[in-house]
Protein backbone atom coordinates (compact mmCIF):
# COMPACT_ATOMS: atom_id res chain seq x y z
CA MET A 1 145.69 63.69 36.32
CA ARG A 2 146.03 62.25 39.83
CA ILE A 3 149.42 61.00 41.04
CA VAL A 4 149.89 59.34 44.41
CA VAL A 5 153.33 58.59 45.84
CA VAL A 6 153.68 56.10 48.66
CA GLY A 7 156.78 57.06 50.53
CA CYS A 8 158.43 60.38 51.32
CA GLY A 9 162.07 59.31 51.16
CA THR A 10 164.56 60.38 48.54
CA ALA A 11 162.92 58.31 45.80
CA GLY A 12 159.38 59.40 46.66
CA ALA A 13 160.13 63.12 46.92
CA SER A 14 162.28 63.03 43.75
CA ALA A 15 159.42 61.33 41.95
CA ALA A 16 156.79 63.88 43.08
CA PHE A 17 158.90 66.91 42.04
CA ALA A 18 159.95 65.36 38.73
CA ALA A 19 156.22 64.72 37.96
CA ARG A 20 155.42 68.32 38.85
CA MET A 21 158.08 69.64 36.51
CA LEU A 22 156.47 67.86 33.59
CA ASN A 23 152.84 68.36 34.55
CA ARG A 24 151.92 71.66 36.18
CA ASN A 25 148.28 70.68 36.52
CA ALA A 26 148.42 67.22 37.98
CA SER A 27 147.12 66.56 41.45
CA ILE A 28 150.13 65.07 43.38
CA THR A 29 149.81 63.52 46.84
CA VAL A 30 152.75 62.13 48.85
CA ILE A 31 151.98 59.76 51.74
CA GLY A 32 154.91 59.69 54.20
CA ASP A 33 155.01 57.56 57.35
CA GLU A 34 157.55 59.60 59.32
CA GLU A 35 157.10 62.84 61.25
CA GLN A 36 159.84 64.52 59.29
CA PRO A 37 159.66 65.53 55.59
CA THR A 38 162.38 64.13 53.23
CA TYR A 39 165.84 64.05 54.76
CA SER A 40 169.29 62.57 53.88
CA ARG A 41 169.61 59.13 55.39
CA CYS A 42 173.28 59.17 54.38
CA ALA A 43 173.89 62.10 56.72
CA LEU A 44 172.59 60.36 59.84
CA PRO A 45 175.97 58.98 61.03
CA PHE A 46 177.51 62.41 60.75
CA ALA A 47 174.79 63.89 62.96
CA ILE A 48 175.55 61.16 65.49
CA ALA A 49 179.24 62.12 65.25
CA GLN A 50 178.25 65.75 66.08
CA ARG A 51 179.62 67.04 62.77
CA LEU A 52 176.29 68.65 61.99
CA PRO A 53 173.00 69.25 63.73
CA LEU A 54 170.42 66.53 63.06
CA GLU A 55 167.78 69.05 62.00
CA ASN A 56 170.09 70.25 59.24
CA ILE A 57 169.71 67.11 57.16
CA ILE A 58 166.23 67.93 55.85
CA THR A 59 166.47 68.04 52.08
CA PHE A 60 162.91 68.76 51.07
CA PRO A 61 161.21 70.96 53.73
CA GLU A 62 157.48 71.16 53.94
CA LYS A 63 157.36 74.64 52.46
CA ARG A 64 159.01 73.26 49.29
CA PHE A 65 156.21 70.75 48.85
CA ALA A 66 153.71 73.57 49.42
CA ARG A 67 155.36 75.87 46.83
CA ALA A 68 155.20 73.09 44.23
CA LYS A 69 151.51 72.46 45.16
CA ILE A 70 152.30 68.90 46.20
CA GLU A 71 150.10 67.65 49.01
CA LEU A 72 152.27 66.10 51.78
CA LEU A 73 150.52 63.87 54.27
CA LYS A 74 152.67 62.99 57.28
CA PRO A 75 152.82 61.04 59.40
CA ALA A 76 150.37 58.93 57.42
CA VAL A 77 150.27 55.18 56.96
CA ALA A 78 149.30 53.64 53.64
CA GLU A 79 147.32 50.48 54.47
CA GLU A 80 146.12 49.18 51.16
CA ILE A 81 146.68 49.69 47.44
CA ASP A 82 143.63 48.68 45.40
CA THR A 83 144.82 48.46 41.83
CA GLN A 84 141.31 47.51 40.56
CA ARG A 85 139.69 50.72 41.89
CA CYS A 86 142.94 52.69 41.62
CA VAL A 87 142.80 54.00 45.20
CA VAL A 88 145.21 54.02 48.16
CA ARG A 89 143.58 53.55 51.52
CA TYR A 90 145.60 55.24 54.31
CA ARG A 91 145.29 56.46 57.89
CA PHE A 92 145.93 60.12 58.67
CA GLU A 93 145.22 62.09 61.80
CA GLY A 94 143.28 59.21 63.28
CA ALA A 95 140.91 58.73 60.33
CA GLU A 96 140.86 56.29 57.39
CA LYS A 97 140.85 57.96 54.01
CA GLU A 98 141.28 57.13 50.33
CA ALA A 99 143.38 58.76 47.67
CA PRO A 100 142.40 57.91 44.09
CA PHE A 101 145.11 57.76 41.40
CA ASP A 102 145.65 57.56 37.72
CA ALA A 103 149.28 56.60 38.32
CA LEU A 104 150.95 55.44 41.53
CA ILE A 105 154.63 55.56 42.50
CA TYR A 106 155.58 52.97 45.06
CA ALA A 107 158.58 54.29 47.01
CA ALA A 108 158.03 52.76 50.41
CA GLY A 109 161.77 52.24 50.98
CA GLY A 110 163.12 49.56 53.28
CA TYR A 111 163.72 48.73 56.87
CA ALA A 112 166.83 47.86 58.89
CA ALA A 113 167.36 44.14 59.26
CA VAL A 114 167.83 42.77 62.78
CA PRO A 115 169.49 39.34 63.20
CA LYS A 116 167.43 36.59 64.76
CA ILE A 117 169.51 35.87 67.81
CA ASP A 118 168.72 35.42 71.50
CA GLY A 119 168.40 38.77 73.23
CA ALA A 120 167.67 40.84 70.14
CA ASP A 121 164.39 41.86 71.73
CA LEU A 122 166.09 43.41 74.78
CA ASP A 123 166.25 47.17 75.31
CA GLY A 124 169.58 48.49 74.18
CA ASN A 125 169.36 47.00 70.67
CA TYR A 126 169.34 49.71 68.06
CA VAL A 127 169.45 50.20 64.31
CA LEU A 128 170.16 53.22 62.10
CA ARG A 129 167.61 53.75 59.35
CA THR A 130 165.47 56.75 60.30
CA TYR A 131 165.77 60.26 61.71
CA ASN A 132 164.32 59.06 65.02
CA ASP A 133 166.82 56.14 65.15
CA ALA A 134 169.65 58.70 64.98
CA ALA A 135 167.94 60.88 67.58
CA ARG A 136 167.78 57.92 69.96
CA LEU A 137 171.45 57.10 69.48
CA ILE A 138 172.43 60.72 70.05
CA SER A 139 170.51 60.79 73.28
CA ILE A 140 171.95 57.61 74.73
CA ALA A 141 175.58 57.59 73.53
CA LYS A 142 177.83 59.02 76.23
CA ALA A 143 181.60 59.24 76.40
CA GLY A 144 183.09 56.36 78.27
CA MET A 145 180.36 53.89 77.33
CA THR A 146 181.09 50.69 75.44
CA ALA A 147 179.16 50.07 72.21
CA VAL A 148 179.01 47.07 69.95
CA VAL A 149 178.37 47.64 66.25
CA ASN A 150 177.27 44.58 64.39
CA GLY A 151 177.96 44.60 60.64
CA ALA A 152 180.45 45.19 57.89
CA SER A 153 178.64 47.70 55.69
CA PHE A 154 179.29 51.37 54.99
CA VAL A 155 176.67 52.16 57.65
CA ALA A 156 178.28 49.88 60.23
CA LEU A 157 181.67 51.51 59.71
CA GLU A 158 180.26 55.04 59.77
CA VAL A 159 178.36 54.35 62.97
CA ALA A 160 181.49 52.84 64.54
CA GLU A 161 183.47 55.97 63.60
CA ALA A 162 180.72 58.27 64.87
CA LEU A 163 180.49 56.59 68.27
CA LYS A 164 184.28 56.57 68.60
CA GLN A 165 184.36 60.28 67.89
CA ARG A 166 181.81 60.78 70.68
CA GLY A 167 184.29 59.21 73.06
CA LEU A 168 182.87 55.67 73.28
CA ASN A 169 184.76 52.40 73.28
CA VAL A 170 183.70 50.57 70.14
CA HIS A 171 183.72 46.88 69.17
CA LEU A 172 182.91 46.04 65.57
CA ILE A 173 181.66 42.53 64.89
CA VAL A 174 182.32 41.49 61.29
CA ARG A 175 181.12 38.07 60.11
CA SER A 176 183.43 37.99 57.07
CA ARG A 177 185.52 41.14 56.46
CA PRO A 178 184.87 44.89 56.29
CA LEU A 179 183.07 46.13 53.16
CA ARG A 180 183.11 42.70 51.52
CA SER A 181 180.35 43.64 49.09
CA PHE A 182 182.45 46.55 47.77
CA LEU A 183 186.14 45.70 48.16
CA ASP A 184 188.39 42.77 47.30
CA GLU A 185 190.35 41.20 50.13
CA PRO A 186 193.59 43.21 49.84
CA LEU A 187 191.81 46.58 50.25
CA SER A 188 189.42 45.16 52.88
CA ALA A 189 192.47 44.11 54.92
CA GLN A 190 193.73 47.67 54.72
CA VAL A 191 190.39 48.95 55.97
CA LYS A 192 190.54 46.58 58.97
CA TRP A 193 194.07 47.75 59.82
CA HIS A 194 192.94 51.40 59.47
CA LEU A 195 189.95 50.87 61.81
CA GLU A 196 192.19 49.17 64.40
CA SER A 197 194.79 51.98 64.18
CA CYS A 198 192.04 54.46 64.95
CA GLY A 199 190.97 52.63 68.10
CA ILE A 200 188.14 50.38 66.89
CA VAL A 201 188.32 46.79 68.17
CA VAL A 202 187.54 44.63 65.16
CA HIS A 203 186.30 41.08 65.67
CA GLN A 204 186.67 39.63 62.15
CA GLY A 205 185.22 36.29 61.16
CA ALA A 206 182.89 36.41 64.16
CA GLU A 207 179.20 36.57 64.86
CA ILE A 208 177.15 37.54 67.86
CA GLU A 209 175.91 34.29 69.31
CA ARG A 210 173.53 35.87 71.86
CA LEU A 211 172.89 39.05 73.75
CA GLU A 212 172.70 38.91 77.54
CA GLY A 213 171.00 41.11 80.10
CA GLY A 214 167.94 41.51 82.26
CA ASP A 215 165.56 44.00 80.68
CA ARG A 216 168.48 45.63 78.81
CA VAL A 217 171.54 44.41 76.91
CA SER A 218 174.61 44.27 79.17
CA ALA A 219 176.84 41.97 77.15
CA VAL A 220 177.23 40.13 73.86
CA VAL A 221 178.79 36.71 73.41
CA VAL A 222 181.10 36.55 70.40
CA GLY A 223 183.11 33.43 69.60
CA GLY A 224 182.52 32.19 73.10
CA GLU A 225 183.87 35.44 74.58
CA ARG A 226 181.60 37.65 76.70
CA LEU A 227 181.95 41.36 75.93
CA GLY A 228 180.34 43.77 78.34
CA CYS A 229 178.59 46.67 76.63
CA ASP A 230 176.05 49.45 77.16
CA PHE A 231 174.25 48.98 73.89
CA VAL A 232 174.39 47.32 70.45
CA VAL A 233 173.81 48.86 66.99
CA HIS A 234 172.87 46.36 64.27
CA ALA A 235 173.88 47.47 60.78
CA VAL A 236 173.53 44.20 58.82
CA GLY A 237 171.70 45.51 55.80
CA THR A 238 168.20 46.61 54.73
CA ARG A 239 165.14 44.73 53.52
CA ALA A 240 162.73 46.05 50.93
CA ARG A 241 159.37 47.13 52.33
CA VAL A 242 157.05 45.18 50.00
CA GLU A 243 154.10 44.15 52.16
CA LEU A 244 151.66 46.58 50.56
CA ALA A 245 152.97 45.82 47.07
CA ARG A 246 152.68 42.09 47.50
CA ALA A 247 149.13 42.39 48.85
CA ALA A 248 148.26 44.59 45.86
CA GLY A 249 149.39 41.87 43.43
CA LEU A 250 152.64 43.47 42.27
CA LYS A 251 155.26 41.07 41.18
CA ILE A 252 158.13 40.57 43.70
CA GLY A 253 161.49 39.79 42.20
CA LYS A 254 164.11 37.25 43.22
CA THR A 255 165.81 39.82 45.41
CA GLY A 256 162.65 40.21 47.55
CA ALA A 257 162.03 43.70 46.15
CA VAL A 258 159.35 44.90 43.75
CA TRP A 259 160.11 43.87 40.17
CA THR A 260 160.40 46.77 37.63
CA ASP A 261 161.09 47.02 33.90
CA SER A 262 163.49 49.35 32.21
CA LYS A 263 161.09 52.26 32.68
CA LEU A 264 160.52 51.39 36.35
CA ARG A 265 156.96 50.11 35.70
CA THR A 266 155.82 47.31 37.94
CA SER A 267 153.81 44.31 36.79
CA VAL A 268 150.75 46.53 37.15
CA GLY A 269 151.02 49.06 34.35
CA VAL A 270 149.81 52.16 36.23
CA VAL A 271 152.14 51.54 39.17
CA TYR A 272 155.81 52.48 39.17
CA ALA A 273 158.50 51.69 41.83
CA ALA A 274 161.78 53.29 42.82
CA GLY A 275 164.27 53.35 45.67
CA ASP A 276 165.14 50.74 48.28
CA CYS A 277 161.88 48.84 47.66
CA ALA A 278 162.53 48.30 43.92
CA GLU A 279 164.59 45.74 42.08
CA VAL A 280 166.70 47.05 39.14
CA GLU A 281 169.23 45.73 36.72
CA GLU A 282 172.88 46.66 37.19
CA CYS A 283 174.63 47.40 33.95
CA VAL A 284 177.83 45.36 34.23
CA ALA A 285 176.55 41.77 34.41
CA GLY A 286 172.85 42.47 33.94
CA GLN A 287 171.97 41.04 37.37
CA ARG A 288 168.77 42.00 39.24
CA VAL A 289 169.70 43.83 42.46
CA VAL A 290 168.48 46.29 45.01
CA SER A 291 170.72 49.34 44.93
CA ALA A 292 170.11 50.73 48.48
CA LEU A 293 171.99 53.84 47.37
CA GLY A 294 170.75 57.46 47.70
CA THR A 295 172.06 58.43 44.28
CA VAL A 296 170.04 55.71 42.58
CA ALA A 297 166.96 56.50 44.67
CA MET A 298 167.08 60.11 43.52
CA ARG A 299 167.68 59.38 39.82
CA HIS A 300 165.23 56.47 39.61
CA GLY A 301 162.68 58.42 41.58
CA MET A 302 162.89 61.21 38.99
CA VAL A 303 162.48 58.65 36.12
CA ALA A 304 159.44 57.06 37.80
CA GLY A 305 157.91 60.48 38.37
CA ARG A 306 158.35 61.61 34.78
CA ASN A 307 157.04 58.33 33.38
CA ALA A 308 153.98 58.45 35.64
CA VAL A 309 152.89 61.60 33.91
CA GLY A 310 153.47 60.31 30.40
CA ALA A 311 157.19 60.24 29.65
CA GLU A 312 158.91 57.09 28.36
CA GLN A 313 162.37 57.40 29.88
CA ASN A 314 164.63 54.43 30.63
CA ALA A 315 166.10 54.10 34.06
CA THR A 316 169.62 55.50 34.38
CA PRO A 317 172.39 52.93 34.45
CA PHE A 318 173.33 51.51 37.82
CA VAL A 319 177.05 50.77 38.29
CA ARG A 320 177.26 50.52 42.13
CA ALA A 321 179.31 53.69 42.51
CA THR A 322 180.02 54.26 46.23
CA VAL A 323 182.44 56.25 48.42
CA MET A 324 182.99 56.95 52.08
CA ARG A 325 185.42 58.73 54.33
CA LEU A 326 186.53 56.72 57.37
CA PHE A 327 188.77 58.41 59.87
CA GLY A 328 190.22 60.56 57.14
CA LEU A 329 190.66 57.77 54.59
CA GLU A 330 188.50 57.88 51.47
CA ILE A 331 187.33 54.46 50.23
CA GLY A 332 185.48 53.98 46.95
CA SER A 333 184.16 51.29 44.73
CA VAL A 334 182.36 50.93 41.43
CA GLY A 335 181.08 47.97 39.43
CA LEU A 336 181.84 44.37 40.52
CA THR A 337 184.44 43.03 42.88
CA GLU A 338 186.55 40.12 41.68
CA ALA A 339 184.40 37.65 43.57
CA GLN A 340 181.13 39.16 42.27
CA ALA A 341 182.38 39.06 38.70
CA LYS A 342 183.38 35.40 38.97
CA ASN A 343 180.05 34.54 40.56
CA ALA A 344 178.40 36.18 37.57
CA GLY A 345 180.39 33.93 35.24
CA ILE A 346 182.84 36.56 34.08
CA ASP A 347 186.44 35.41 33.68
CA VAL A 348 188.41 38.27 35.26
CA ALA A 349 191.87 39.27 36.50
CA THR A 350 192.92 42.11 38.66
CA ALA A 351 195.61 44.76 38.82
CA GLN A 352 196.48 46.99 41.78
CA VAL A 353 198.97 49.83 42.10
CA LYS A 354 199.94 52.39 44.69
CA HIS A 355 200.97 55.61 42.99
CA PRO A 356 201.60 59.18 44.24
CA ALA A 357 198.82 61.70 43.56
CA LEU A 358 201.42 64.37 42.76
CA PRO A 359 204.97 64.31 41.32
CA HIS A 360 207.53 62.64 43.57
CA TYR A 361 209.34 65.93 44.17
CA TRP A 362 206.20 67.64 45.54
CA VAL A 363 206.40 67.93 49.40
CA GLU A 364 202.65 67.69 50.18
CA ASN A 365 201.89 64.36 48.60
CA GLU A 366 200.04 61.12 49.21
CA ASP A 367 199.76 57.63 47.74
CA VAL A 368 196.63 56.59 45.90
CA THR A 369 195.72 52.94 45.75
CA VAL A 370 193.75 51.84 42.64
CA ARG A 371 192.53 48.34 41.92
CA LEU A 372 190.89 47.28 38.63
CA VAL A 373 188.88 44.19 37.85
CA TYR A 374 188.87 43.39 34.13
CA GLU A 375 187.89 40.69 31.70
CA LYS A 376 190.68 38.43 30.54
CA LYS A 377 189.36 38.02 27.04
CA ASN A 378 189.14 41.69 26.04
CA GLY A 379 190.35 43.84 28.89
CA ARG A 380 186.93 45.37 29.59
CA ILE A 381 186.93 46.97 33.01
CA VAL A 382 184.05 45.66 35.14
CA GLY A 383 185.04 47.11 38.50
CA GLY A 384 187.34 49.45 40.30
CA GLN A 385 188.37 50.31 43.85
CA VAL A 386 190.12 53.34 45.22
CA MET A 387 191.71 54.28 48.50
CA CYS A 388 193.34 57.67 49.28
CA ARG A 389 193.22 60.61 51.67
CA THR A 390 191.68 63.18 49.30
CA GLY A 391 189.90 63.18 45.97
CA GLY A 392 188.51 59.69 46.33
CA ALA A 393 185.03 60.66 45.08
CA LEU A 394 186.43 62.20 41.92
CA ARG A 395 188.42 59.04 41.17
CA VAL A 396 185.36 56.89 41.73
CA ASN A 397 183.45 59.17 39.37
CA ILE A 398 186.15 58.54 36.69
CA LEU A 399 185.87 54.80 37.14
CA SER A 400 182.10 55.01 37.14
CA VAL A 401 182.17 56.41 33.61
CA VAL A 402 184.79 53.86 32.58
CA VAL A 403 182.64 50.92 33.74
CA GLU A 404 179.36 52.37 32.44
CA ARG A 405 180.90 52.99 29.01
CA ARG A 406 182.45 49.50 28.93
CA MET A 407 185.95 50.88 28.46
CA SER A 408 188.94 48.54 28.34
CA VAL A 409 192.26 48.77 30.19
CA TYR A 410 193.74 49.98 26.93
CA ASP A 411 191.14 52.77 26.67
CA LEU A 412 191.89 53.92 30.22
CA SER A 413 195.68 53.63 29.80
CA VAL A 414 195.69 56.01 26.85
CA SER A 415 193.06 58.47 28.19
CA ASP A 416 194.19 62.10 28.40
CA PHE A 417 194.39 63.30 31.97
CA CYS A 418 195.35 66.80 33.23
CA TYR A 419 198.73 67.58 34.82
CA SER A 420 200.17 70.30 37.00
CA PRO A 421 202.66 69.63 39.83
CA PRO A 422 200.53 71.03 42.68
CA CYS A 423 197.33 69.42 41.30
CA ALA A 424 198.14 66.09 39.65
CA ASP A 425 200.96 63.89 38.52
CA VAL A 426 201.64 63.49 34.79
CA TRP A 427 200.64 59.85 35.25
CA ALA A 428 197.21 59.49 36.77
CA PRO A 429 196.99 56.52 39.18
CA GLU A 430 194.00 55.13 37.24
CA ALA A 431 196.02 55.11 34.03
CA VAL A 432 199.02 53.58 35.76
CA CYS A 433 196.86 50.72 37.02
CA ALA A 434 195.31 50.23 33.59
CA THR A 435 198.78 50.12 32.05
CA ALA A 436 199.82 47.41 34.52
CA ALA A 437 196.71 45.39 33.57
CA LEU A 438 197.37 45.91 29.85
CA ARG A 439 200.95 44.60 30.16
CA ARG A 440 199.64 41.46 31.84
CA LEU A 441 197.09 40.94 29.10
CA GLU A 442 199.75 41.40 26.38
CA ALA A 443 202.12 39.05 28.16
CA GLN A 444 199.48 36.28 28.02
CA LYS A 445 199.09 36.47 24.24
């Protein structure tokens, strides 16, 4: 059997190794368009912040592909997918070649979006998507410079933090509010305050009108105000890379990414898709979305790889579980925000509490903020948000299971949590928030 994987990111590499685990004899070829083998894109901001060497973020080194007898072609450019002849035409080492396949996994990923504004073509405009993007930022970012970061995403905030930690003056341009896609307004406001308290100048409700300079950016105009700067980093989202897929006749979904079914098959039966180029269904409201998360790229890549060699596995549930640490504050989200739930036609209410992580008498303690989004009719929890100094990821993981298993506020309020004074309070903050929501529901009856 011949398997070809287009893309050597997390989804592509995970697909190749999962296919190899199930089929020891298949011929597996991975076509990657970067100089580096698979690496962690999520780690790029931390390399910029000098918290780890950039070269350390390689997750699947070349020797690992070789040990698994997976042919890795890099840098190689896939130029055409012929689904009639079942071949991929690609360019490698200056020559055009073909790779025949019995099954193809399309994992071409995405690219960083750049806003269409005057001056966006000047030198000094950067994005952060690839290893080389990070290397460029590391080489040019010097202490004392002024940088403008354009965006409100996790990447935007992590880049702002990284540049601040390198000693730069940082302006963050936020069209709406920080992390709007993940947090409701009350927690988003806390994030803004936290950023400002750590020295980031936040321009909320503003957009870059134009970028000024000769050959290189020297200023941005925001809300009529001219801000001098040395460079700009745009972090306004990613777009699915679908040009090859569209030309090959694969169905493109409403999100602009490749349509897939529950087994990650595309509209062409021998072609599967996974990662940032693929459209999937989130499990709360059943909406078609692009996850753009490394966790989903890995899990769905594995499913696509297994199915390409004959398995019939359904894609793992997608609940939008995310977490970040920003200047020491852990911020997490799972499921839908209040606005997203209402836009999906779900009648919801919210509850929010601030509760100590440990008993009140324990000296080394901290408050944990938990916010739940739940259905009014039955108390089903459709989303949750967390903010704390430590343990945020574990709390998001709890809420991820809660949302995926369609638990109600009652279910969470009576769940059995552990307790020990130096480890946890007898009342878990998640359960306290669920109890507050339950009381509101009962009061409305």
